[in-house]
Amino acid sequence: MSKIGFIGCGTMGSAIVKAIAPHTKEKILLYDIDEMVAISLAKISGGVSLPLKELLSEAETIVLAVKPQVLPLLYGDLYQATEKRWISLAAGVSLETLVSNLGSEEVIRIMPNIGAEVSRSVTAITPCLGASKEFIKETLALVEKFGSAHILKEEHLAAFIGVSASAIATCFEFLHGIALGGVQQGLPYKEALALISETMESATALIRQGERHPQELQTGVCSPQGTTIEALNVVFDNSLAGILMESVWAASERALELEMLAKKENN
């Protein structure tokens, strides 16, 4: 039985482990600096909690599910683990930096989101040029166990973070805001949140047909002097589209800043 190791059992790492555990034949090995976190996840997933060096010795594929600022503290041990295949979730840590510190070109960056908890993550995959076709294929299969997979160039990862990986939090804020509006108008929060969640699913289904632009759909539901155009007037007056564009820019810029910091620490 092949073995996959997860270093880091925080929000993203645990979400992925829980999603893939029922669908993989691989033995799942877990390490976290907080041993009890790894032990708890092992009980839920059927995995095994191990000390770092044991995990590095046993696992063929290792998923780095730690914060980018934590990686430099691990590089010394990771570099000693030879003939491994590496999957990194660390935002802003480039393939160049990873290859240099891991001593291998069998490296793939992935950028999932918390939708992995319900097997609905939208995940970017960026392989190193030296990564084998077999490894890329296996990584795609792994990612598809917890959502959809999209192969992107590394230069587009910062934009992806703004549009998807970080934008899911913006989506939560949008849903929360509409639900609060419902509360203001007399609906219970839970009911209002369920209604706007279903409405967003309807909007997404229409967009995914790919036949009409969002603005065409928007215009189509506006009756003269009706309720929808009044709602949109408020949205336009407050420049919602501009705010959303700025939020994407901010997340993307932060990803680029993290990449620069990682390169400086590597020099």
C-alpha atoms as a PDB file:
ATOM      1  CA  MET A   1       0.000   0.000   0.000  1.00  0.00           C
ATOM      2  CA  SER A   2       1.385   3.408  -0.953  1.00  0.00           C
ATOM      3  CA  LYS A   3       1.548   6.109   1.690  1.00  0.00           C
ATOM      4  CA  ILE A   4       0.732   9.815   1.552  1.00  0.00           C
ATOM      5  CA  GLY A   5       1.901  12.116   4.328  1.00  0.00           C
ATOM      6  CA  PHE A   6       0.382  15.402   5.451  1.00  0.00           C
ATOM      7  CA  ILE A   7       2.576  17.892   7.272  1.00  0.00           C
ATOM      8  CA  GLY A   8       0.160  20.325   8.890  1.00  0.00           C
ATOM      9  CA  CYS A   9      -3.332  19.376  10.076  1.00  0.00           C
ATOM     10  CA  GLY A  10      -4.899  22.823  10.254  1.00  0.00           C
ATOM     11  CA  THR A  11      -8.002  24.036   8.451  1.00  0.00           C
ATOM     12  CA  MET A  12      -6.963  23.174   4.883  1.00  0.00           C
ATOM     13  CA  GLY A  13      -4.934  20.076   5.662  1.00  0.00           C
ATOM     14  CA  SER A  14      -7.682  18.517   7.760  1.00  0.00           C
ATOM     15  CA  ALA A  15     -10.372  19.437   5.209  1.00  0.00           C
ATOM     16  CA  ILE A  16      -8.455  17.614   2.466  1.00  0.00           C
ATOM     17  CA  VAL A  17      -7.710  14.580   4.638  1.00  0.00           C
ATOM     18  CA  LYS A  18     -11.361  14.214   5.662  1.00  0.00           C
ATOM     19  CA  ALA A  19     -12.478  14.521   2.036  1.00  0.00           C
ATOM     20  CA  ILE A  20     -10.054  11.983   0.563  1.00  0.00           C
ATOM     21  CA  ALA A  21     -10.033   9.429   3.400  1.00  0.00           C
ATOM     22  CA  PRO A  22     -13.183   7.557   2.291  1.00  0.00           C
ATOM     23  CA  HIS A  23     -12.004   7.435  -1.337  1.00  0.00           C
ATOM     24  CA  THR A  24      -8.327   6.507  -1.206  1.00  0.00           C
ATOM     25  CA  LYS A  25      -6.499   3.215  -0.841  1.00  0.00           C
ATOM     26  CA  GLU A  26      -3.361   5.033   0.260  1.00  0.00           C
ATOM     27  CA  LYS A  27      -2.346   4.944   3.894  1.00  0.00           C
ATOM     28  CA  ILE A  28      -2.616   8.476   5.314  1.00  0.00           C
ATOM     29  CA  LEU A  29       0.193   9.626   7.596  1.00  0.00           C
ATOM     30  CA  LEU A  30      -0.207  12.797   9.654  1.00  0.00           C
ATOM     31  CA  TYR A  31       2.078  15.232  11.432  1.00  0.00           C
ATOM     32  CA  ASP A  32       1.319  18.509  13.160  1.00  0.00           C
ATOM     33  CA  ILE A  33       3.405  20.543  15.563  1.00  0.00           C
ATOM     34  CA  ASP A  34       0.442  20.103  17.928  1.00  0.00           C
ATOM     35  CA  GLU A  35       0.470  16.331  18.279  1.00  0.00           C
ATOM     36  CA  MET A  36      -3.070  16.188  19.672  1.00  0.00           C
ATOM     37  CA  VAL A  37      -4.407  17.854  16.511  1.00  0.00           C
ATOM     38  CA  ALA A  38      -2.826  15.119  14.369  1.00  0.00           C
ATOM     39  CA  ILE A  39      -4.047  12.375  16.710  1.00  0.00           C
ATOM     40  CA  SER A  40      -7.588  13.756  16.611  1.00  0.00           C
ATOM     41  CA  LEU A  41      -7.573  13.916  12.793  1.00  0.00           C
ATOM     42  CA  ALA A  42      -6.148  10.385  12.632  1.00  0.00           C
ATOM     43  CA  LYS A  43      -9.088   9.060  14.669  1.00  0.00           C
ATOM     44  CA  ILE A  44     -11.584  10.751  12.347  1.00  0.00           C
ATOM     45  CA  SER A  45      -9.894   9.807   9.073  1.00  0.00           C
ATOM     46  CA  GLY A  46      -8.409   6.418   9.824  1.00  0.00           C
ATOM     47  CA  GLY A  47      -4.927   7.853   9.329  1.00  0.00           C
ATOM     48  CA  VAL A  48      -1.871   7.472  11.525  1.00  0.00           C
ATOM     49  CA  SER A  49      -0.196  10.249  13.532  1.00  0.00           C
ATOM     50  CA  LEU A  50       3.601  10.091  13.352  1.00  0.00           C
ATOM     51  CA  PRO A  51       6.605  12.176  14.394  1.00  0.00           C
ATOM     52  CA  LEU A  52       7.953  14.282  11.533  1.00  0.00           C
ATOM     53  CA  LYS A  53      11.043  12.192  10.787  1.00  0.00           C
ATOM     54  CA  GLU A  54       9.057   8.943  10.706  1.00  0.00           C
ATOM     55  CA  LEU A  55       6.528  10.449   8.308  1.00  0.00           C
ATOM     56  CA  LEU A  56       9.319  11.716   6.059  1.00  0.00           C
ATOM     57  CA  SER A  57      10.864   8.256   6.054  1.00  0.00           C
ATOM     58  CA  GLU A  58       7.675   6.324   5.276  1.00  0.00           C
ATOM     59  CA  ALA A  59       5.599   8.484   2.910  1.00  0.00           C
ATOM     60  CA  GLU A  60       6.192   8.439  -0.850  1.00  0.00           C
ATOM     61  CA  THR A  61       4.136  11.590  -1.456  1.00  0.00           C
ATOM     62  CA  ILE A  62       4.176  14.423   1.067  1.00  0.00           C
ATOM     63  CA  VAL A  63       1.649  17.260   1.228  1.00  0.00           C
ATOM     64  CA  LEU A  64       2.994  20.460   2.781  1.00  0.00           C
ATOM     65  CA  ALA A  65      -0.144  21.932   4.350  1.00  0.00           C
ATOM     66  CA  VAL A  66       1.542  24.554   6.524  1.00  0.00           C
ATOM     67  CA  LYS A  67       1.642  28.345   6.438  1.00  0.00           C
ATOM     68  CA  PRO A  68       4.334  29.806   4.144  1.00  0.00           C
ATOM     69  CA  GLN A  69       6.171  31.342   7.089  1.00  0.00           C
ATOM     70  CA  VAL A  70       6.475  27.894   8.710  1.00  0.00           C
ATOM     71  CA  LEU A  71       8.177  26.197   5.760  1.00  0.00           C
ATOM     72  CA  PRO A  72      11.666  27.671   6.359  1.00  0.00           C
ATOM     73  CA  LEU A  73      11.632  26.039   9.805  1.00  0.00           C
ATOM     74  CA  LEU A  74      11.096  22.645   8.169  1.00  0.00           C
ATOM     75  CA  TYR A  75      13.401  22.812   5.162  1.00  0.00           C
ATOM     76  CA  GLY A  76      16.357  21.276   7.011  1.00  0.00           C
ATOM     77  CA  ASP A  77      14.427  18.076   7.733  1.00  0.00           C
ATOM     78  CA  LEU A  78      12.580  18.056   4.411  1.00  0.00           C
ATOM     79  CA  TYR A  79      15.777  18.317   2.360  1.00  0.00           C
ATOM     80  CA  GLN A  80      17.071  15.145   4.003  1.00  0.00           C
ATOM     81  CA  ALA A  81      14.065  13.180   2.727  1.00  0.00           C
ATOM     82  CA  THR A  82      15.216  11.927  -0.675  1.00  0.00           C
ATOM     83  CA  GLU A  83      13.196  10.427  -3.543  1.00  0.00           C
ATOM     84  CA  LYS A  84       9.944  11.993  -2.371  1.00  0.00           C
ATOM     85  CA  ARG A  85       7.163  13.677  -4.308  1.00  0.00           C
ATOM     86  CA  TRP A  86       6.030  16.992  -2.876  1.00  0.00           C
ATOM     87  CA  ILE A  87       2.696  18.816  -3.011  1.00  0.00           C
ATOM     88  CA  SER A  88       2.748  22.311  -1.519  1.00  0.00           C
ATOM     89  CA  LEU A  89      -0.262  24.348  -0.381  1.00  0.00           C
ATOM     90  CA  ALA A  90       1.877  27.281   0.791  1.00  0.00           C
ATOM     91  CA  ALA A  91       0.652  30.518  -0.801  1.00  0.00           C
ATOM     92  CA  GLY A  92       3.382  32.658  -2.315  1.00  0.00           C
ATOM     93  CA  VAL A  93       6.153  30.051  -2.093  1.00  0.00           C
ATOM     94  CA  SER A  94       7.359  29.592  -5.671  1.00  0.00           C
ATOM     95  CA  LEU A  95       8.356  26.365  -7.369  1.00  0.00           C
ATOM     96  CA  GLU A  96      11.891  27.729  -7.615  1.00  0.00           C
ATOM     97  CA  THR A  97      12.056  28.202  -3.840  1.00  0.00           C
ATOM     98  CA  LEU A  98      10.521  24.792  -3.183  1.00  0.00           C
ATOM     99  CA  VAL A  99      12.834  22.950  -5.584  1.00  0.00           C
ATOM    100  CA  SER A 100      15.861  24.668  -4.066  1.00  0.00           C
ATOM    101  CA  ASN A 101      14.907  23.741  -0.506  1.00  0.00           C
ATOM    102  CA  LEU A 102      13.508  20.269  -1.131  1.00  0.00           C
ATOM    103  CA  GLY A 103      16.282  19.116  -3.450  1.00  0.00           C
ATOM    104  CA  SER A 104      13.836  17.652  -5.961  1.00  0.00           C
ATOM    105  CA  GLU A 105      11.904  18.644  -9.072  1.00  0.00           C
ATOM    106  CA  GLU A 106       9.055  16.292  -8.224  1.00  0.00           C
ATOM    107  CA  VAL A 107       7.169  19.288  -6.846  1.00  0.00           C
ATOM    108  CA  ILE A 108       3.636  20.510  -7.510  1.00  0.00           C
ATOM    109  CA  ARG A 109       1.932  23.563  -6.057  1.00  0.00           C
ATOM    110  CA  ILE A 110      -1.788  23.359  -5.425  1.00  0.00           C
ATOM    111  CA  MET A 111      -4.100  26.130  -4.260  1.00  0.00           C
ATOM    112  CA  PRO A 112      -7.383  24.762  -2.856  1.00  0.00           C
ATOM    113  CA  ASN A 113     -10.117  26.489  -0.885  1.00  0.00           C
ATOM    114  CA  ILE A 114     -12.165  25.525   2.146  1.00  0.00           C
ATOM    115  CA  GLY A 115     -14.792  24.007  -0.157  1.00  0.00           C
ATOM    116  CA  ALA A 116     -12.658  20.866   0.247  1.00  0.00           C
ATOM    117  CA  GLU A 117     -14.669  20.217   3.426  1.00  0.00           C
ATOM    118  CA  VAL A 118     -17.669  19.322   1.254  1.00  0.00           C
ATOM    119  CA  SER A 119     -15.631  18.008  -1.703  1.00  0.00           C
ATOM    120  CA  ARG A 120     -16.308  21.226  -3.644  1.00  0.00           C
ATOM    121  CA  SER A 121     -12.920  22.929  -3.598  1.00  0.00           C
ATOM    122  CA  VAL A 122     -11.843  24.824  -6.700  1.00  0.00           C
ATOM    123  CA  THR A 123      -8.135  24.008  -6.851  1.00  0.00           C
ATOM    124  CA  ALA A 124      -5.324  25.344  -9.014  1.00  0.00           C
ATOM    125  CA  ILE A 125      -2.485  22.957  -9.859  1.00  0.00           C
ATOM    126  CA  THR A 126       0.937  24.157 -10.990  1.00  0.00           C
ATOM    127  CA  PRO A 127       3.534  21.429 -11.615  1.00  0.00           C
ATOM    128  CA  CYS A 128       7.269  21.991 -11.740  1.00  0.00           C
ATOM    129  CA  LEU A 129       8.667  21.519 -15.245  1.00  0.00           C
ATOM    130  CA  GLY A 130      10.612  18.539 -13.922  1.00  0.00           C
ATOM    131  CA  ALA A 131       7.591  16.812 -12.372  1.00  0.00           C
ATOM    132  CA  SER A 132       6.832  13.443 -13.941  1.00  0.00           C
ATOM    133  CA  LYS A 133       3.652  12.874 -15.941  1.00  0.00           C
ATOM    134  CA  GLU A 134       2.732  10.080 -13.537  1.00  0.00           C
ATOM    135  CA  PHE A 135       3.011  12.417 -10.534  1.00  0.00           C
ATOM    136  CA  ILE A 136       0.923  15.100 -12.245  1.00  0.00           C
ATOM    137  CA  LYS A 137      -1.739  12.527 -13.126  1.00  0.00           C
ATOM    138  CA  GLU A 138      -1.835  11.216  -9.554  1.00  0.00           C
ATOM    139  CA  THR A 139      -2.061  14.746  -8.140  1.00  0.00           C
ATOM    140  CA  LEU A 140      -4.984  15.545 -10.439  1.00  0.00           C
ATOM    141  CA  ALA A 141      -6.727  12.385  -9.240  1.00  0.00           C
ATOM    142  CA  LEU A 142      -6.060  13.340  -5.614  1.00  0.00           C
ATOM    143  CA  VAL A 143      -7.397  16.871  -6.053  1.00  0.00           C
ATOM    144  CA  GLU A 144     -10.508  15.649  -7.855  1.00  0.00           C
ATOM    145  CA  LYS A 145     -11.395  13.689  -4.719  1.00  0.00           C
ATOM    146  CA  PHE A 146     -12.142  16.996  -2.991  1.00  0.00           C
ATOM    147  CA  GLY A 147     -13.388  19.167  -5.870  1.00  0.00           C
ATOM    148  CA  SER A 148     -12.370  20.414  -9.307  1.00  0.00           C
ATOM    149  CA  ALA A 149      -8.814  20.749 -10.617  1.00  0.00           C
ATOM    150  CA  HIS A 150      -7.463  23.464 -12.914  1.00  0.00           C
ATOM    151  CA  ILE A 151      -3.899  23.395 -14.250  1.00  0.00           C
ATOM    152  CA  LEU A 152      -2.519  26.947 -14.308  1.00  0.00           C
ATOM    153  CA  LYS A 153       0.780  28.620 -15.067  1.00  0.00           C
ATOM    154  CA  GLU A 154       2.593  29.767 -11.949  1.00  0.00           C
ATOM    155  CA  GLU A 155       2.386  33.391 -13.096  1.00  0.00           C
ATOM    156  CA  HIS A 156      -1.415  33.153 -12.808  1.00  0.00           C
ATOM    157  CA  LEU A 157      -1.526  31.721  -9.270  1.00  0.00           C
ATOM    158  CA  ALA A 158      -1.653  35.120  -7.557  1.00  0.00           C
ATOM    159  CA  ALA A 159      -4.686  36.054  -9.654  1.00  0.00           C
ATOM    160  CA  PHE A 160      -6.253  32.679  -8.883  1.00  0.00           C
ATOM    161  CA  ILE A 161      -5.853  33.333  -5.168  1.00  0.00           C
ATOM    162  CA  GLY A 162      -7.743  36.603  -5.581  1.00  0.00           C
ATOM    163  CA  VAL A 163     -10.490  35.132  -7.767  1.00  0.00           C
ATOM    164  CA  SER A 164     -11.010  31.820  -5.959  1.00  0.00           C
ATOM    165  CA  ALA A 165      -8.853  30.687  -3.040  1.00  0.00           C
ATOM    166  CA  SER A 166      -9.360  33.885  -1.026  1.00  0.00           C
ATOM    167  CA  ALA A 167     -12.554  35.020  -2.764  1.00  0.00           C
ATOM    168  CA  ILE A 168     -14.580  32.287  -1.096  1.00  0.00           C
ATOM    169  CA  ALA A 169     -14.367  34.366   2.101  1.00  0.00           C
ATOM    170  CA  THR A 170     -15.755  37.345   0.167  1.00  0.00           C
ATOM    171  CA  CYS A 171     -18.605  35.106  -0.981  1.00  0.00           C
ATOM    172  CA  PHE A 172     -19.360  34.311   2.663  1.00  0.00           C
ATOM    173  CA  GLU A 173     -19.511  38.038   3.433  1.00  0.00           C
ATOM    174  CA  PHE A 174     -21.891  38.594   0.514  1.00  0.00           C
ATOM    175  CA  LEU A 175     -24.189  35.808   1.716  1.00  0.00           C
ATOM    176  CA  HIS A 176     -24.047  37.113   5.284  1.00  0.00           C
ATOM    177  CA  GLY A 177     -24.859  40.663   4.182  1.00  0.00           C
ATOM    178  CA  ILE A 178     -27.910  39.620   2.150  1.00  0.00           C
ATOM    179  CA  ALA A 179     -29.085  37.414   5.027  1.00  0.00           C
ATOM    180  CA  LEU A 180     -28.790  40.350   7.440  1.00  0.00           C
ATOM    181  CA  GLY A 181     -30.891  42.376   5.021  1.00  0.00           C
ATOM    182  CA  GLY A 182     -33.502  39.649   5.258  1.00  0.00           C
ATOM    183  CA  VAL A 183     -33.378  39.851   9.053  1.00  0.00           C
ATOM    184  CA  GLN A 184     -33.892  43.611   8.815  1.00  0.00           C
ATOM    185  CA  GLN A 185     -37.041  42.904   6.808  1.00  0.00           C
ATOM    186  CA  GLY A 186     -38.371  40.354   9.292  1.00  0.00           C
ATOM    187  CA  LEU A 187     -36.952  36.973   8.260  1.00  0.00           C
ATOM    188  CA  PRO A 188     -35.084  34.727  10.730  1.00  0.00           C
ATOM    189  CA  TYR A 189     -31.344  34.764   9.931  1.00  0.00           C
ATOM    190  CA  LYS A 190     -31.136  31.001   9.300  1.00  0.00           C
ATOM    191  CA  GLU A 191     -34.024  31.108   6.833  1.00  0.00           C
ATOM    192  CA  ALA A 192     -32.673  34.193   5.054  1.00  0.00           C
ATOM    193  CA  LEU A 193     -29.223  32.591   4.749  1.00  0.00           C
ATOM    194  CA  ALA A 194     -30.727  29.418   3.277  1.00  0.00           C
ATOM    195  CA  LEU A 195     -32.704  31.460   0.752  1.00  0.00           C
ATOM    196  CA  ILE A 196     -29.751  33.520  -0.490  1.00  0.00           C
ATOM    197  CA  SER A 197     -27.558  30.391  -0.595  1.00  0.00           C
ATOM    198  CA  GLU A 198     -30.067  28.681  -2.894  1.00  0.00           C
ATOM    199  CA  THR A 199     -30.386  31.856  -4.945  1.00  0.00           C
ATOM    200  CA  MET A 200     -26.601  31.955  -5.437  1.00  0.00           C
ATOM    201  CA  GLU A 201     -26.722  28.344  -6.622  1.00  0.00           C
ATOM    202  CA  SER A 202     -29.391  29.364  -9.158  1.00  0.00           C
ATOM    203  CA  ALA A 203     -27.284  32.293 -10.365  1.00  0.00           C
ATOM    204  CA  THR A 204     -24.213  30.077 -10.663  1.00  0.00           C
ATOM    205  CA  ALA A 205     -26.138  27.459 -12.645  1.00  0.00           C
ATOM    206  CA  LEU A 206     -27.245  30.120 -15.135  1.00  0.00           C
ATOM    207  CA  ILE A 207     -23.707  31.480 -15.515  1.00  0.00           C
ATOM    208  CA  ARG A 208     -22.261  27.999 -16.022  1.00  0.00           C
ATOM    209  CA  GLN A 209     -24.507  27.457 -19.021  1.00  0.00           C
ATOM    210  CA  GLY A 210     -22.084  29.871 -20.681  1.00  0.00           C
ATOM    211  CA  GLU A 211     -24.689  31.328 -22.995  1.00  0.00           C
ATOM    212  CA  ARG A 212     -25.270  34.755 -21.458  1.00  0.00           C
ATOM    213  CA  HIS A 213     -23.096  37.425 -19.864  1.00  0.00           C
ATOM    214  CA  PRO A 214     -23.851  38.226 -16.197  1.00  0.00           C
ATOM    215  CA  GLN A 215     -25.025  41.710 -17.157  1.00  0.00           C
ATOM    216  CA  GLU A 216     -27.417  40.287 -19.751  1.00  0.00           C
ATOM    217  CA  LEU A 217     -28.944  38.050 -17.097  1.00  0.00           C
ATOM    218  CA  GLN A 218     -29.038  40.980 -14.678  1.00  0.00           C
ATOM    219  CA  THR A 219     -30.821  43.251 -17.155  1.00  0.00           C
ATOM    220  CA  GLY A 220     -33.277  40.514 -18.038  1.00  0.00           C
ATOM    221  CA  VAL A 221     -34.728  40.390 -14.521  1.00  0.00           C
ATOM    222  CA  CYS A 222     -35.182  44.163 -14.194  1.00  0.00           C
ATOM    223  CA  SER A 223     -38.760  45.322 -14.774  1.00  0.00           C
ATOM    224  CA  PRO A 224     -39.442  49.043 -15.367  1.00  0.00           C
ATOM    225  CA  GLN A 225     -39.858  50.772 -11.993  1.00  0.00           C
ATOM    226  CA  GLY A 226     -39.634  47.347 -10.336  1.00  0.00           C
ATOM    227  CA  THR A 227     -38.013  46.001  -7.181  1.00  0.00           C
ATOM    228  CA  THR A 228     -34.864  44.589  -8.792  1.00  0.00           C
ATOM    229  CA  ILE A 229     -33.739  47.841 -10.408  1.00  0.00           C
ATOM    230  CA  GLU A 230     -34.162  49.564  -7.032  1.00  0.00           C
ATOM    231  CA  ALA A 231     -31.904  46.965  -5.438  1.00  0.00           C
ATOM    232  CA  LEU A 232     -29.333  47.353  -8.223  1.00  0.00           C
ATOM    233  CA  ASN A 233     -29.367  51.144  -7.869  1.00  0.00           C
ATOM    234  CA  VAL A 234     -28.032  50.725  -4.328  1.00  0.00           C
ATOM    235  CA  VAL A 235     -25.415  48.235  -5.551  1.00  0.00           C
ATOM    236  CA  PHE A 236     -24.287  50.593  -8.324  1.00  0.00           C
ATOM    237  CA  ASP A 237     -24.253  53.677  -6.069  1.00  0.00           C
ATOM    238  CA  ASN A 238     -21.914  51.873  -3.671  1.00  0.00           C
ATOM    239  CA  SER A 239     -19.674  50.520  -6.462  1.00  0.00           C
ATOM    240  CA  LEU A 240     -19.940  46.867  -5.429  1.00  0.00           C
ATOM    241  CA  ALA A 241     -18.121  45.720  -8.577  1.00  0.00           C
ATOM    242  CA  GLY A 242     -15.263  48.122  -7.825  1.00  0.00           C
ATOM    243  CA  ILE A 243     -15.025  46.894  -4.230  1.00  0.00           C
ATOM    244  CA  LEU A 244     -14.890  43.285  -5.409  1.00  0.00           C
ATOM    245  CA  MET A 245     -12.207  44.093  -7.993  1.00  0.00           C
ATOM    246  CA  GLU A 246     -10.158  45.793  -5.283  1.00  0.00           C
ATOM    247  CA  SER A 247     -10.512  42.772  -2.989  1.00  0.00           C
ATOM    248  CA  VAL A 248      -9.163  40.507  -5.750  1.00  0.00           C
ATOM    249  CA  TRP A 249      -6.265  42.914  -6.297  1.00  0.00           C
ATOM    250  CA  ALA A 250      -5.470  43.019  -2.548  1.00  0.00           C
ATOM    251  CA  ALA A 251      -5.369  39.226  -2.212  1.00  0.00           C
ATOM    252  CA  SER A 252      -3.281  38.847  -5.372  1.00  0.00           C
ATOM    253  CA  GLU A 253      -0.821  41.531  -4.267  1.00  0.00           C
ATOM    254  CA  ARG A 254      -0.438  39.877  -0.874  1.00  0.00           C
ATOM    255  CA  ALA A 255       0.331  36.572  -2.605  1.00  0.00           C
ATOM    256  CA  LEU A 256       3.077  38.303  -4.612  1.00  0.00           C
ATOM    257  CA  GLU A 257       4.431  39.912  -1.419  1.00  0.00           C
ATOM    258  CA  LEU A 258       4.607  36.500   0.244  1.00  0.00           C
ATOM    259  CA  GLU A 259       6.502  35.164  -2.771  1.00  0.00           C
ATOM    260  CA  MET A 260       9.049  37.980  -2.503  1.00  0.00           C
ATOM    261  CA  LEU A 261       9.462  37.351   1.241  1.00  0.00           C
ATOM    262  CA  ALA A 262       9.984  33.637   0.637  1.00  0.00           C
ATOM    263  CA  LYS A 263      12.655  34.381  -1.975  1.00  0.00           C
ATOM    264  CA  LYS A 264      14.457  36.772   0.398  1.00  0.00           C
ATOM    265  CA  GLU A 265      14.480  34.150   3.155  1.00  0.00           C
ATOM    266  CA  ASN A 266      15.836  31.645   0.663  1.00  0.00           C
ATOM    267  CA  ASN A 267      18.802  33.856  -0.315  1.00  0.00           C
END
